[in-house]
Protein backbone atom coordinates (compact mmCIF):
# COMPACT_ATOMS: atom_id res chain seq x y z
CA UNK A 1 -19.33 18.44 12.13
CA UNK A 2 -21.75 21.33 11.55
CA UNK A 3 -24.93 20.96 9.48
CA UNK A 4 -23.77 23.57 7.01
CA UNK A 5 -22.75 21.77 3.79
CA UNK A 6 -19.16 22.11 2.59
CA UNK A 7 -19.03 23.02 -1.10
CA UNK A 8 -15.45 23.35 -2.18
CA UNK A 9 -13.22 23.97 -5.16
CA UNK A 10 -10.13 21.77 -5.34
CA UNK A 11 -7.00 23.25 -6.95
CA UNK A 12 -4.03 20.91 -7.42
CA UNK A 13 -1.72 20.14 -10.35
CA UNK A 14 -1.73 16.39 -9.59
CA UNK A 15 -4.78 14.69 -11.21
CA UNK A 16 -4.28 11.47 -9.23
CA UNK A 17 -4.29 13.35 -5.93
CA UNK A 18 -7.41 15.29 -6.95
CA UNK A 19 -9.22 12.08 -7.83
CA UNK A 20 -8.20 10.39 -4.59
CA UNK A 21 -9.22 13.35 -2.44
CA UNK A 22 -12.54 13.68 -4.26
CA UNK A 23 -13.33 10.00 -3.62
CA UNK A 24 -12.43 10.34 0.06
CA UNK A 25 -14.39 13.55 0.64
CA UNK A 26 -17.52 12.69 -1.33
CA UNK A 27 -18.00 9.63 0.87
CA UNK A 28 -18.73 12.03 3.75
CA UNK A 29 -22.18 13.63 4.11
CA UNK A 30 -22.49 17.39 3.59
CA UNK A 31 -19.28 17.58 1.54
CA UNK A 32 -19.40 18.26 -2.18
CA UNK A 33 -16.49 18.92 -4.55
CA UNK A 34 -18.17 21.41 -6.89
CA UNK A 35 -15.28 21.59 -9.35
CA UNK A 36 -11.55 21.07 -9.57
CA UNK A 37 -8.71 22.72 -11.48
CA UNK A 38 -5.09 21.96 -12.28
CA UNK A 39 -3.81 25.54 -12.83
CA UNK A 40 -4.40 28.98 -11.39
CA UNK A 41 -5.92 30.19 -14.66
CA UNK A 42 -8.38 27.32 -14.80
CA UNK A 43 -9.26 27.88 -11.15
CA UNK A 44 -10.01 31.59 -11.64
CA UNK A 45 -12.12 30.84 -14.73
CA UNK A 46 -14.08 28.14 -12.90
CA UNK A 47 -14.75 30.40 -9.91
CA UNK A 48 -15.84 33.24 -12.19
CA UNK A 49 -18.32 30.93 -13.95
CA UNK A 50 -19.66 29.69 -10.61
CA UNK A 51 -20.01 33.23 -9.27
CA UNK A 52 -22.19 34.17 -12.26
CA UNK A 53 -24.50 31.21 -11.64
CA UNK A 54 -24.74 31.38 -7.83
CA UNK A 55 -22.31 33.29 -5.57
CA UNK A 56 -23.19 30.95 -2.68
CA UNK A 57 -22.50 27.75 -4.59
CA UNK A 58 -18.93 27.53 -3.19
CA UNK A 59 -17.88 28.27 0.39
CA UNK A 60 -14.30 26.94 0.48
CA UNK A 61 -11.18 26.69 -1.69
CA UNK A 62 -8.68 23.87 -1.08
CA UNK A 63 -5.39 24.85 -2.66
CA UNK A 64 -1.97 23.26 -3.28
CA UNK A 65 0.54 26.03 -2.70
CA UNK A 66 3.05 24.65 -5.22
CA UNK A 67 5.79 22.14 -5.74
CA UNK A 68 7.88 21.80 -2.58
CA UNK A 69 11.04 21.74 -4.75
CA UNK A 70 10.18 24.72 -6.97
CA UNK A 71 10.36 28.28 -5.67
CA UNK A 72 8.66 29.59 -8.84
CA UNK A 73 5.58 27.42 -8.35
CA UNK A 74 5.37 28.51 -4.70
CA UNK A 75 5.47 32.16 -5.77
CA UNK A 76 2.67 31.48 -8.26
CA UNK A 77 0.68 29.88 -5.45
CA UNK A 78 1.10 32.98 -3.29
CA UNK A 79 -0.03 35.18 -6.16
CA UNK A 80 -3.11 32.99 -6.65
CA UNK A 81 -4.00 33.40 -2.97
CA UNK A 82 -3.70 37.16 -3.39
CA UNK A 83 -5.91 37.14 -6.50
CA UNK A 84 -8.54 34.95 -4.85
CA UNK A 85 -8.73 37.21 -1.80
CA UNK A 86 -8.95 40.27 -3.99
CA UNK A 87 -11.83 38.82 -6.03
CA UNK A 88 -13.59 36.84 -3.27
CA UNK A 89 -12.61 38.38 0.08
CA UNK A 90 -15.06 36.28 2.13
CA UNK A 91 -14.16 32.94 0.55
CA UNK A 92 -11.89 30.97 2.95
CA UNK A 93 -8.75 29.27 1.58
CA UNK A 94 -7.32 26.09 3.04
CA UNK A 95 -3.78 25.15 1.99
CA UNK A 96 -3.46 21.39 1.53
CA UNK A 97 0.12 21.32 0.40
CA UNK A 98 3.36 19.35 0.33
CA UNK A 99 5.19 22.60 1.13
CA UNK A 100 6.22 22.62 4.79
CA UNK A 101 8.69 25.51 4.84
CA UNK A 102 7.81 27.85 7.70
CA UNK A 103 8.64 31.01 5.75
CA UNK A 104 6.38 30.09 2.82
CA UNK A 105 3.50 29.16 5.12
CA UNK A 106 3.90 32.44 6.97
CA UNK A 107 3.85 34.33 3.67
CA UNK A 108 0.71 32.46 2.59
CA UNK A 109 -0.98 33.50 5.83
CA UNK A 110 0.01 37.11 5.22
CA UNK A 111 -1.39 36.92 1.67
CA UNK A 112 -4.78 35.83 3.02
CA UNK A 113 -4.81 32.02 3.50
CA UNK A 114 -7.08 30.96 6.36
CA UNK A 115 -5.62 27.55 7.23
CA UNK A 116 -3.00 24.94 6.45
CA UNK A 117 -2.73 21.14 6.53
CA UNK A 118 0.16 19.17 5.03
CA UNK A 119 -0.58 16.52 2.44
CA UNK A 120 -1.02 13.22 4.22
CA UNK A 121 -3.22 14.66 6.95
CA UNK A 122 -5.88 12.22 8.15
CA UNK A 123 -9.29 12.77 6.57
CA UNK A 124 -10.90 13.26 9.99
CA UNK A 125 -8.56 16.16 10.76
CA UNK A 126 -8.97 17.56 7.25
CA UNK A 127 -12.75 17.66 7.64
CA UNK A 128 -12.30 19.40 11.00
CA UNK A 129 -10.09 22.04 9.38
CA UNK A 130 -12.61 22.63 6.58
CA UNK A 131 -15.46 22.99 9.06
CA UNK A 132 -13.50 25.52 11.10
CA UNK A 133 -12.77 27.65 8.03
CA UNK A 134 -16.37 27.59 6.77
CA UNK A 135 -17.52 28.59 10.26
CA UNK A 136 -15.35 31.70 10.07
CA UNK A 137 -12.38 30.45 12.09
CA UNK A 138 -8.84 29.54 11.06
CA UNK A 139 -6.95 26.28 11.31
CA UNK A 140 -3.18 26.01 11.20
CA UNK A 141 -1.50 22.65 11.65
CA UNK A 142 0.84 23.11 14.62
CA UNK A 143 3.54 20.82 13.28
CA UNK A 144 4.04 23.13 10.32
CA UNK A 145 3.36 26.65 11.59
CA UNK A 146 3.95 26.58 15.32
CA UNK A 147 7.25 28.42 14.86
CA UNK A 148 5.58 31.35 13.22
CA UNK A 149 2.46 31.40 15.40
CA UNK A 150 4.44 31.50 18.63
CA UNK A 151 7.97 32.64 17.74
CA UNK A 152 10.65 31.86 20.29
CA UNK A 153 11.82 34.69 22.49
CA UNK A 154 15.31 34.53 21.05
CA UNK A 155 14.06 35.78 17.66
CA UNK A 156 13.34 39.21 19.12
CA UNK A 157 16.82 39.59 20.60
CA UNK A 158 19.79 40.44 18.41
CA UNK A 159 21.93 37.34 17.98
CA UNK A 160 25.69 37.15 17.99
CA UNK A 161 27.22 35.70 14.81
CA UNK A 162 28.14 32.48 16.61
CA UNK A 163 24.60 32.10 18.01
CA UNK A 164 23.11 32.73 14.57
CA UNK A 165 25.40 30.13 13.02
CA UNK A 166 24.48 27.66 15.78
CA UNK A 167 20.76 28.24 15.24
CA UNK A 168 21.04 27.85 11.44
CA UNK A 169 23.04 24.66 11.88
CA UNK A 170 20.45 23.28 14.28
CA UNK A 171 17.51 24.20 12.00
CA UNK A 172 19.00 22.57 8.91
CA UNK A 173 20.07 19.44 10.82
CA UNK A 174 16.82 18.90 12.69
CA UNK A 175 14.81 19.47 9.51
CA UNK A 176 16.70 16.74 7.67
CA UNK A 177 16.38 14.34 10.61
CA UNK A 178 12.63 14.89 11.03
CA UNK A 179 11.95 14.47 7.29
CA UNK A 180 13.98 11.26 7.06
CA UNK A 181 12.47 9.93 10.29
CA UNK A 182 8.95 10.51 9.02
CA UNK A 183 9.69 8.66 5.76
CA UNK A 184 11.20 5.68 7.61
CA UNK A 185 8.25 5.39 10.02
CA UNK A 186 5.81 5.41 7.10
CA UNK A 187 7.79 2.62 5.40
CA UNK A 188 7.81 0.56 8.60
CA UNK A 189 4.02 0.66 8.70
CA UNK A 190 3.57 -0.90 5.26
CA UNK A 191 2.90 -4.64 4.91
CA UNK A 192 4.96 -6.89 2.69
CA UNK A 193 8.37 -5.59 3.74
CA UNK A 194 11.07 -8.29 3.87
CA UNK A 195 12.34 -9.00 7.38
CA UNK A 196 15.85 -7.82 6.49
CA UNK A 197 14.60 -4.51 5.10
CA UNK A 198 12.38 -3.97 8.16
CA UNK A 199 15.36 -4.59 10.46
CA UNK A 200 17.52 -2.14 8.49
CA UNK A 201 14.81 0.55 8.65
CA UNK A 202 14.36 0.00 12.39
CA UNK A 203 18.10 0.43 12.86
CA UNK A 204 18.13 3.65 10.84
CA UNK A 205 15.25 4.96 12.93
CA UNK A 206 17.19 4.35 16.15
CA UNK A 207 20.23 6.11 14.66
CA UNK A 208 18.11 9.14 13.70
CA UNK A 209 16.53 9.33 17.16
CA UNK A 210 20.00 9.25 18.67
CA UNK A 211 21.22 11.93 16.26
CA UNK A 212 18.22 14.13 17.13
CA UNK A 213 18.95 13.79 20.85
CA UNK A 214 22.63 14.66 20.34
CA UNK A 215 21.71 17.65 18.20
CA UNK A 216 19.37 18.97 20.91
CA UNK A 217 22.06 18.48 23.58
CA UNK A 218 24.89 20.08 21.62
CA UNK A 219 23.22 23.00 19.83
CA UNK A 220 20.40 24.06 22.17
CA UNK A 221 20.48 25.65 25.58
CA UNK A 222 18.52 23.91 28.36
CA UNK A 223 15.73 26.49 28.00
CA UNK A 224 15.45 25.85 24.25
CA UNK A 225 15.42 22.05 24.42
CA UNK A 226 12.02 20.52 23.60
CA UNK A 227 10.11 18.62 26.25
CA UNK A 228 9.89 14.84 25.76
CA UNK A 229 6.63 13.84 24.08
CA UNK A 230 5.25 10.79 22.29
CA UNK A 231 6.13 10.56 18.64
CA UNK A 232 3.03 11.18 16.52
CA UNK A 233 3.19 10.03 12.95
CA UNK A 234 2.28 12.91 10.59
CA UNK A 235 0.71 10.76 7.90
CA UNK A 236 -2.62 9.59 6.58
CA UNK A 237 -4.77 7.35 8.73
CA UNK A 238 -2.86 4.39 10.12
CA UNK A 239 -1.81 2.24 7.18
CA UNK A 240 -2.09 -1.53 7.29
CA UNK A 241 0.79 -3.17 9.13
CA UNK A 242 1.61 -6.72 9.82
CA UNK A 243 1.57 -7.91 13.46
CA UNK A 244 5.07 -7.38 14.77
CA UNK A 245 7.00 -7.16 17.99
CA UNK A 246 9.11 -4.27 16.73
CA UNK A 247 9.25 -1.50 19.33
CA UNK A 248 9.21 1.11 16.56
CA UNK A 249 5.82 -0.01 15.30
CA UNK A 250 4.40 -0.30 18.81
CA UNK A 251 5.44 3.24 19.69
CA UNK A 252 4.10 4.65 16.41
CA UNK A 253 0.84 2.74 16.74
CA UNK A 254 0.32 3.90 20.30
CA UNK A 255 0.92 7.49 19.27
CA UNK A 256 -1.57 7.14 16.42
CA UNK A 257 -4.21 5.81 18.80
CA UNK A 258 -3.64 8.79 21.08
CA UNK A 259 -3.89 11.20 18.16
CA UNK A 260 -7.13 9.79 16.69
CA UNK A 261 -10.59 9.40 18.21
CA UNK A 262 -11.31 5.95 19.60
CA UNK A 263 -14.42 5.48 17.47
CA UNK A 264 -15.45 7.06 14.18
CA UNK A 265 -18.82 7.11 12.48
CA UNK A 266 -19.16 4.49 9.73
CA UNK A 267 -18.89 7.10 6.96
CA UNK A 268 -15.84 8.72 8.50
CA UNK A 269 -14.31 5.32 9.15
CA UNK A 270 -14.81 4.45 5.49
CA UNK A 271 -13.23 7.73 4.39
CA UNK A 272 -10.24 7.13 6.65
CA UNK A 273 -9.60 3.67 5.21
CA UNK A 274 -10.15 4.81 1.61
CA UNK A 275 -7.76 7.73 2.04
CA UNK A 276 -5.06 5.42 3.39
CA UNK A 277 -5.62 3.07 0.45
CA UNK A 278 -5.41 5.95 -2.04
CA UNK A 279 -2.14 6.99 -0.48
CA UNK A 280 -0.75 3.48 -0.98
CA UNK A 281 -1.74 3.50 -4.64
CA UNK A 282 1.12 5.92 -5.17
CA UNK A 283 3.48 2.97 -4.56
CA UNK A 284 4.82 0.84 -7.38
CA UNK A 285 2.18 -1.57 -8.69
CA UNK A 286 4.63 -4.14 -9.98
CA UNK A 287 3.70 -7.70 -9.03
CA UNK A 288 6.45 -8.92 -6.68
CA UNK A 289 4.57 -12.01 -5.52
CA UNK A 290 5.04 -15.46 -7.05
CA UNK A 291 1.42 -15.52 -8.30
CA UNK A 292 0.48 -14.35 -11.81
CA UNK A 293 -2.19 -11.62 -11.87
CA UNK A 294 -4.42 -10.59 -14.77
CA UNK A 295 -3.61 -6.91 -14.22
CA UNK A 296 0.10 -7.61 -14.82
CA UNK A 297 -0.55 -7.14 -18.54
CA UNK A 298 -1.57 -3.48 -18.02
CA UNK A 299 0.72 -0.49 -17.93
CA UNK A 300 1.18 0.90 -14.43
CA UNK A 301 -0.88 4.03 -15.11
CA UNK A 302 -3.77 1.88 -16.32
CA UNK A 303 -3.51 -0.34 -13.25
CA UNK A 304 -3.68 2.70 -11.01
CA UNK A 305 -6.60 4.18 -12.94
CA UNK A 306 -8.52 0.89 -12.70
CA UNK A 307 -7.92 0.51 -8.96
CA UNK A 308 -9.03 4.11 -8.33
CA UNK A 309 -12.21 3.50 -10.28
CA UNK A 310 -13.02 0.34 -8.31
CA UNK A 311 -12.56 2.27 -5.08
CA UNK A 312 -14.89 5.00 -6.33
CA UNK A 313 -17.56 2.50 -7.40
CA UNK A 314 -17.30 0.69 -4.07
CA UNK A 315 -17.82 4.00 -2.26
CA UNK A 316 -21.01 4.60 -4.25
CA UNK A 317 -22.22 1.10 -3.48
CA UNK A 318 -21.67 1.59 0.23
CA UNK A 319 -23.68 4.82 0.14
CA UNK A 320 -26.57 3.00 -1.55
CA UNK A 321 -26.43 0.19 1.00
CA UNK A 322 -26.53 2.69 3.88
CA UNK A 323 -29.62 4.33 2.47
CA UNK A 324 -31.26 0.91 2.21
CA UNK A 325 -30.48 0.34 5.93
CA UNK A 326 -29.39 -3.21 5.24
CA UNK A 327 -28.81 -5.59 8.15
CA UNK A 328 -25.76 -7.74 8.77
CA UNK A 329 -27.52 -11.00 7.84
CA UNK A 330 -28.81 -9.47 4.62
CA UNK A 331 -25.35 -8.15 3.85
CA UNK A 332 -23.80 -11.60 4.09
CA UNK A 333 -26.50 -13.03 1.82
CA UNK A 334 -26.06 -10.30 -0.81
CA UNK A 335 -22.25 -10.07 -0.85
CA UNK A 336 -21.93 -12.04 -4.12
CA UNK A 337 -24.53 -9.81 -5.81
CA UNK A 338 -22.72 -6.74 -4.51
CA UNK A 339 -19.42 -7.94 -5.96
CA UNK A 340 -21.05 -8.75 -9.30
CA UNK A 341 -22.60 -5.27 -9.50
CA UNK A 342 -19.23 -3.73 -8.59
CA UNK A 343 -17.52 -5.72 -11.35
CA UNK A 344 -20.09 -4.81 -14.01
CA UNK A 345 -20.11 -1.10 -13.09
CA UNK A 346 -16.30 -0.98 -13.21
CA UNK A 347 -16.11 -2.75 -16.59
CA UNK A 348 -18.70 -0.37 -18.03
CA UNK A 349 -16.99 2.81 -16.85
CA UNK A 350 -13.38 1.71 -17.37
CA UNK A 351 -13.76 0.62 -21.00
CA UNK A 352 -16.57 3.04 -21.86
CA UNK A 353 -20.24 2.16 -22.10
CA UNK A 354 -20.44 2.94 -25.83
CA UNK A 355 -16.85 2.28 -26.89
CA UNK A 356 -16.47 0.17 -30.02
CA UNK A 357 -13.63 -1.67 -31.74
CA UNK A 358 -13.26 -3.32 -35.13
CA UNK A 359 -12.86 -7.10 -35.30
CA UNK A 360 -12.37 -7.95 -38.92
CA UNK A 361 -15.16 -6.22 -40.83
CA UNK A 362 -17.42 -5.86 -37.79
CA UNK A 363 -17.65 -3.00 -35.32
CA UNK A 364 -18.61 -4.32 -31.89
CA UNK A 365 -19.27 -2.79 -28.48
CA UNK A 366 -16.50 -3.66 -26.04
CA UNK A 367 -18.64 -3.76 -22.90
CA UNK A 368 -21.19 -6.15 -24.40
CA UNK A 369 -18.43 -8.63 -25.21
CA UNK A 370 -16.80 -8.35 -21.79
CA UNK A 371 -20.07 -8.78 -19.86
CA UNK A 372 -21.44 -11.67 -21.89
CA UNK A 373 -20.39 -14.41 -19.44
CA UNK A 374 -20.67 -13.09 -15.86
CA UNK A 375 -21.19 -16.55 -14.34
CA UNK A 376 -17.63 -17.57 -15.22
CA UNK A 377 -16.14 -14.48 -13.60
CA UNK A 378 -18.36 -14.91 -10.56
CA UNK A 379 -17.30 -18.52 -10.06
CA UNK A 380 -13.61 -18.21 -10.94
CA UNK A 381 -12.74 -14.96 -9.10
CA UNK A 382 -15.48 -13.01 -7.32
CA UNK A 383 -16.89 -15.82 -5.17
CA UNK A 384 -13.40 -16.74 -4.04
CA UNK A 385 -12.45 -13.31 -2.65
CA UNK A 386 -12.09 -13.92 1.10
CA UNK A 387 -13.46 -11.87 4.00
CA UNK A 388 -15.74 -9.70 1.85
CA UNK A 389 -18.69 -10.01 4.22
CA UNK A 390 -16.55 -9.07 7.21
CA UNK A 391 -15.17 -6.00 5.41
CA UNK A 392 -18.59 -4.75 4.27
CA UNK A 393 -20.03 -5.29 7.74
CA UNK A 394 -17.15 -3.34 9.26
CA UNK A 395 -17.53 -0.42 6.85
CA UNK A 396 -21.33 -0.23 6.98
CA UNK A 397 -22.24 -1.36 10.48
CA UNK A 398 -18.94 -0.89 12.31
CA UNK A 399 -18.95 -4.41 13.69
CA UNK A 400 -15.90 -5.86 15.40
CA UNK A 401 -13.44 -7.67 13.15
CA UNK A 402 -12.72 -11.36 13.68
CA UNK A 403 -9.59 -12.12 11.70
CA UNK A 404 -6.32 -13.97 12.14
CA UNK A 405 -7.67 -15.68 15.29
CA UNK A 406 -8.07 -12.30 16.99
CA UNK A 407 -11.01 -10.00 17.75
CA UNK A 408 -10.40 -6.33 16.94
CA UNK A 409 -12.86 -3.73 18.37
CA UNK A 410 -14.35 -1.51 15.68
CA UNK A 411 -12.64 1.83 15.18
CA UNK A 412 -9.33 0.90 16.79
CA UNK A 413 -6.11 1.29 14.86
CA UNK A 414 -5.58 -2.48 14.87
CA UNK A 415 -9.01 -3.07 13.34
CA UNK A 416 -8.37 -0.39 10.72
CA UNK A 417 -5.05 -2.02 9.81
CA UNK A 418 -6.72 -5.37 9.24
CA UNK A 419 -9.60 -3.75 7.31
CA UNK A 420 -7.08 -2.01 5.05
CA UNK A 421 -5.50 -5.35 4.19
CA UNK A 422 -8.93 -6.79 3.34
CA UNK A 423 -9.81 -3.71 1.26
CA UNK A 424 -6.55 -3.85 -0.73
CA UNK A 425 -7.07 -7.53 -1.49
CA UNK A 426 -10.63 -6.80 -2.64
CA UNK A 427 -9.46 -4.06 -5.03
CA UNK A 428 -6.77 -6.23 -6.60
CA UNK A 429 -9.06 -9.24 -7.04
CA UNK A 430 -11.88 -7.20 -8.60
CA UNK A 431 -9.32 -5.62 -10.93
CA UNK A 432 -8.29 -9.14 -11.99
CA UNK A 433 -11.94 -9.93 -12.67
CA UNK A 434 -12.23 -6.83 -14.88
CA UNK A 435 -9.22 -7.83 -16.98
CA UNK A 436 -9.97 -11.55 -17.32
CA UNK A 437 -12.74 -11.31 -19.99
CA UNK A 438 -10.54 -8.92 -21.94
CA UNK A 439 -7.86 -11.62 -22.08
CA UNK A 440 -10.45 -14.24 -23.02
CA UNK A 441 -12.09 -12.40 -25.93
CA UNK A 442 -10.03 -9.36 -27.02
CA UNK A 443 -6.47 -10.13 -25.94
CA UNK A 444 -4.73 -9.67 -29.31
CA UNK A 445 -6.63 -6.67 -30.69
CA UNK A 446 -4.23 -3.88 -31.67
CA UNK A 447 -6.42 -1.08 -30.33
CA UNK A 448 -6.61 -2.79 -26.94
CA UNK A 449 -2.85 -3.35 -26.86
CA UNK A 450 -2.13 0.29 -27.68
CA UNK A 451 -4.52 1.65 -25.06
CA UNK A 452 -3.81 -0.66 -22.12
CA UNK A 453 -0.92 -3.13 -22.38
CA UNK A 454 2.57 -2.97 -20.98
CA UNK A 455 5.09 -2.62 -23.79
CA UNK A 456 6.82 -5.88 -22.78
CA UNK A 457 3.59 -7.83 -23.36
CA UNK A 458 2.33 -6.59 -26.74
CA UNK A 459 3.62 -9.31 -29.06
CA UNK A 460 1.33 -12.22 -29.85
CA UNK A 461 3.83 -14.69 -28.45
CA UNK A 462 4.14 -12.83 -25.12
CA UNK A 463 0.35 -12.49 -24.84
CA UNK A 464 -0.16 -16.22 -25.40
CA UNK A 465 2.57 -17.03 -22.92
CA UNK A 466 0.91 -14.73 -20.38
CA UNK A 467 -2.49 -16.36 -20.94
CA UNK A 468 -0.99 -19.83 -20.59
CA UNK A 469 0.60 -18.84 -17.27
CA UNK A 470 -2.79 -17.70 -16.02
CA UNK A 471 -4.43 -20.93 -17.21
CA UNK A 472 -1.90 -23.01 -15.30
CA UNK A 473 -2.44 -20.81 -12.26
CA UNK A 474 -6.17 -21.54 -12.25
CA UNK A 475 -5.57 -25.28 -12.69
CA UNK A 476 -3.01 -25.35 -9.92
CA UNK A 477 -5.28 -23.32 -7.64
CA UNK A 478 -8.28 -25.55 -8.32
CA UNK A 479 -6.47 -28.82 -7.62
CA UNK A 480 -3.60 -28.00 -5.25
CA UNK A 481 -3.19 -24.49 -3.84
CA UNK A 482 -6.75 -23.91 -2.61
CA UNK A 483 -6.85 -27.36 -1.00
CA UNK A 484 -3.54 -26.68 0.74
CA UNK A 485 -4.73 -23.29 2.03
CA UNK A 486 -7.95 -24.84 3.34
CA UNK A 487 -6.01 -27.63 5.05
CA UNK A 488 -3.60 -25.08 6.56
CA UNK A 489 -6.51 -22.84 7.72
CA UNK A 490 -5.31 -19.67 6.02
CA UNK A 491 -5.99 -17.15 3.27
CA UNK A 492 -3.45 -15.60 0.95
CA UNK A 493 -4.22 -11.87 0.57
CA UNK A 494 -2.74 -9.34 -1.86
CA UNK A 495 -1.58 -6.00 -0.44
CA UNK A 496 0.07 -2.79 -1.65
CA UNK A 497 3.69 -2.57 -0.50
CA UNK A 498 6.40 -0.01 -1.38
CA UNK A 499 8.11 -2.51 -3.70
CA UNK A 500 4.85 -3.53 -5.41
CA UNK A 501 1.91 -5.90 -4.99
CA UNK A 502 2.85 -8.53 -2.39
CA UNK A 503 1.07 -11.34 -0.55
CA UNK A 504 0.54 -12.02 3.13
CA UNK A 505 -1.07 -14.96 4.91
CA UNK A 506 -3.78 -14.72 7.60
CA UNK A 507 -5.32 -17.47 9.70
CA UNK A 508 -8.97 -18.38 9.06
CA UNK A 509 -11.02 -21.36 10.31
CA UNK A 510 -11.98 -23.36 7.19
CA UNK A 511 -13.19 -26.67 8.60
CA UNK A 512 -16.52 -26.45 6.78
CA UNK A 513 -14.72 -26.08 3.43
CA UNK A 514 -12.36 -28.92 4.35
CA UNK A 515 -15.31 -31.25 4.95
CA UNK A 516 -16.70 -30.50 1.47
CA UNK A 517 -13.52 -31.32 -0.48
CA UNK A 518 -13.74 -34.17 -2.95
CA UNK A 519 -11.67 -35.66 -5.76
CA UNK A 520 -8.16 -34.39 -6.40
CA UNK A 521 -8.27 -31.57 -3.77
CA UNK A 522 -9.18 -34.15 -1.12
CA UNK A 523 -6.31 -36.38 -2.28
CA UNK A 524 -3.96 -33.40 -1.97
CA UNK A 525 -4.94 -32.89 1.67
CA UNK A 526 -4.49 -36.61 2.37
CA UNK A 527 -1.03 -36.50 0.80
CA UNK A 528 -0.14 -33.50 2.94
CA UNK A 529 -1.40 -35.26 6.05
CA UNK A 530 0.49 -38.46 5.14
CA UNK A 531 3.63 -36.44 4.52
CA UNK A 532 3.29 -34.71 7.88
CA UNK A 533 2.76 -38.06 9.60
CA UNK A 534 5.60 -39.95 7.96
CA UNK A 535 8.10 -37.15 7.55
CA UNK A 536 9.53 -37.26 11.13
CA UNK A 537 9.85 -41.09 11.03
CA UNK A 538 11.31 -41.02 7.54
CA UNK A 539 13.80 -38.41 8.62
CA UNK A 540 14.83 -40.60 11.57
CA UNK A 541 15.28 -43.63 9.28
CA UNK A 542 17.23 -41.64 6.75
CA UNK A 543 19.37 -40.20 9.52
CA UNK A 544 20.10 -43.72 10.82
CA UNK A 545 21.00 -45.08 7.39
CA UNK A 546 22.95 -41.96 6.63
CA UNK A 547 25.02 -42.40 9.79
CA UNK A 548 25.63 -46.05 8.84
CA UNK A 549 26.71 -45.13 5.34
CA UNK A 550 29.03 -42.47 6.70
CA UNK A 551 30.53 -45.01 9.13
CA UNK A 552 31.07 -47.58 6.38
CA UNK A 553 32.62 -45.05 4.02
CA UNK A 554 34.92 -43.48 6.58
CA UNK A 555 35.82 -46.30 8.96
CA UNK A 556 35.87 -49.32 6.60
CA UNK A 557 36.21 -48.21 3.01
CA UNK A 558 38.28 -45.18 3.90
CA UNK A 559 40.70 -47.12 6.10
CA UNK A 560 40.93 -49.92 3.52
CA UNK A 561 41.79 -47.46 0.79
CA UNK A 562 44.31 -45.88 3.09
CA UNK A 563 46.04 -49.18 3.79
CA UNK A 564 46.09 -50.08 0.11
CA UNK A 565 47.51 -46.69 -0.79
CA UNK A 566 50.15 -46.91 1.91
CA UNK A 567 51.13 -50.41 0.69
CA UNK A 568 51.47 -49.18 -2.87
CA UNK A 569 53.63 -46.25 -1.80
CA UNK A 570 55.85 -48.52 0.31
CA UNK A 571 56.12 -50.99 -2.58
CA UNK A 572 57.15 -48.24 -4.98
CA UNK A 573 59.73 -47.04 -2.47
CA UNK A 574 61.21 -50.56 -2.03
CA UNK A 575 61.53 -51.12 -5.78
CA UNK A 576 63.36 -47.81 -6.22
CA UNK A 577 65.75 -48.64 -3.39
CA UNK A 578 66.48 -52.11 -4.85
CA UNK A 579 67.20 -50.67 -8.30
CA UNK A 580 69.73 -48.26 -6.84
CA UNK A 581 71.52 -51.05 -4.97
CA UNK A 582 71.52 -53.24 -8.09
CA UNK A 583 73.14 -50.51 -10.14
CA UNK A 584 75.73 -49.91 -7.45
CA UNK A 585 76.73 -53.65 -7.34
CA UNK A 586 76.57 -54.26 -11.13
CA UNK A 587 80.21 -54.41 -12.55
CA UNK A 588 79.05 -53.26 -16.01
CA UNK A 589 78.14 -49.91 -14.65
CA UNK A 590 81.74 -49.30 -13.67
C-alpha cells in the first residue's frame, strides 16, 4: 500500500453496510472515512461543504450504484456519477455495488467511474482497488466486467437469429447457475448448519456444476467453451467453517487460499476477520441454541446495533494496544482488564453517557446504575469467555493458533476460520454482559421496554419468566454444565449461522481446571466417571436379564397361555357338539 493517505466519501443507502465498512476500513492505517451519505443529494451537499473547507480533504468516492433489483435507482446512480465527474473531474470514483449486470457496469464506466468491486469483496482486495484509483489508475473486477473489457470476437460479427437466440439462452442460464452456485457455496462455509441441510446443499451444488457443464457443452462451440479453472469464491474473506470432509468445502477453501496472500499484516488480518464478521451479522440473530442468552430480550435491530458497537470498540482497543507495543505475556495478564474496559465502553456508548430515566419521582443516569457492580459481571461472564488471550494474540501479534488439538499457522485460511469463531463468541458474550445489569436493575421500566425489548417479552410476567430462566441457567452452569465441559475437555462457543445464533464445541485441554474443582462440581465429575465406568457392565447385566425375561415370557408364560387358551376353545367346542346331539336324541323336541 502506498504512503499516500486514503480519504474517502462513502455513499450507500444502507446504514448497516456503511457502519460495517467504516469499522473495517478505519482499522487500516492511512485510511480515513471523511464523511458518508445515504442519498445523492446528501452526497453532493457534503462534497460541496468539504470543497469549501479544503479541496484536498477527499481523494476518493466509494459509491453504491443502486439497488440491483431497481432500474430507477441504477439510473439515479449513473446520473450521480455524471454529476460528480462534472463537478470534480479529478476525483476518482470506485463502485462498490451489489449490481453485477455487465451493461450497467459498462454504462457506469462510460459515465466516468474509475473502478468497480462487487459487494462482498475481501477487504485486502478493496484496499488494493482504492490505492490503484488514488494513484491515478483504474481497477475493474474481472469477474464482473471482463465481458465488456475484452468482448468476444463473435460480438463484432452479425449473428443469425438462431445464434442470437442460443447466445441469449446461454447467458440467462449461466447467470442463474452462477448466482445460485455462489449463494450455496457461501452457505456451506457457515458454521452451525445441521448435517442434513449441509448434505442437501452439497447435493444442489453438484447438480448446478453438472448443469453448468451441460450448458457449456450444448450451447457453446468448442472455441467459446471456457477453460477449466479452480472455483474461486467471490465473497468476503473466508468465513468460519467447521472442520469437514466435504469435498465442496475443501475445493472452495483451496481456491480461497490460492486467491489470497499467504500472510497478511496484523492490521489487515484484523480487517479481514472483522469484515467477515460484519457480513455474518446480516444473518438472523434469533437464538437457535438450547441456552438462554441475555440478548434474547432485545429486538433484532438492537441486537445487531449492539454487536456492531462492540466490534467497533474492540477495533479501537486493538489500535491502542498496538501503539503500546504490548508483548504476548503482558497481553495474557491484561486480558481481563481489556474485557472489562470493552464492556464499560460499550455500555456507556450504547445506552448514552448522559441518558436519564425516571424511576418513581427520581431521575437517574442509566450508565451509572448499569456500571455500579462491575465485579459481578467480571466474575459471572467476562472471566469465563474462553480463548480470549489466544484471539488477542493472533490479532495483535499474528501468533499461530492452538485450538481444537490442532496448530494453525498465522494468516492461513484455517487459522482465520478458527479466529472468526472465537471472535463471534467474544462478541455474543460481551453483549450478554452489557444486557445483564439492565435485567438486574431496570428490567421492568417502560422506557427501557419501548426502546429495546422484543414485543413478545414486554409484559411483566414474560420479563420475570425470562429472568428466572437466566437464573436457572447460571445455577446449572455453576454446578453441572461447566464441570461437565471441563471433564470432557471442551468449550461451547456461540457463532453466527444463517438460521441464527448457534453453538459449536471445540476441544481444549482443561486438566488444570479439573484439578481445582471442589464441592458439587467435583461430585458431578465423579458421577460422570462412575456412570462411564459402570454403564457398559450395567448394560450387559440388563441385557442378560432382559433376555431371560423375554425367554420366560415367550417360552414359558406364552406357551402356557397358549395351551390354556387352546383347552378352553376345545372345551367350548365339545360342549356345543354335545348339546346338538342331546337335542337330536331328545323325544320332546320331536
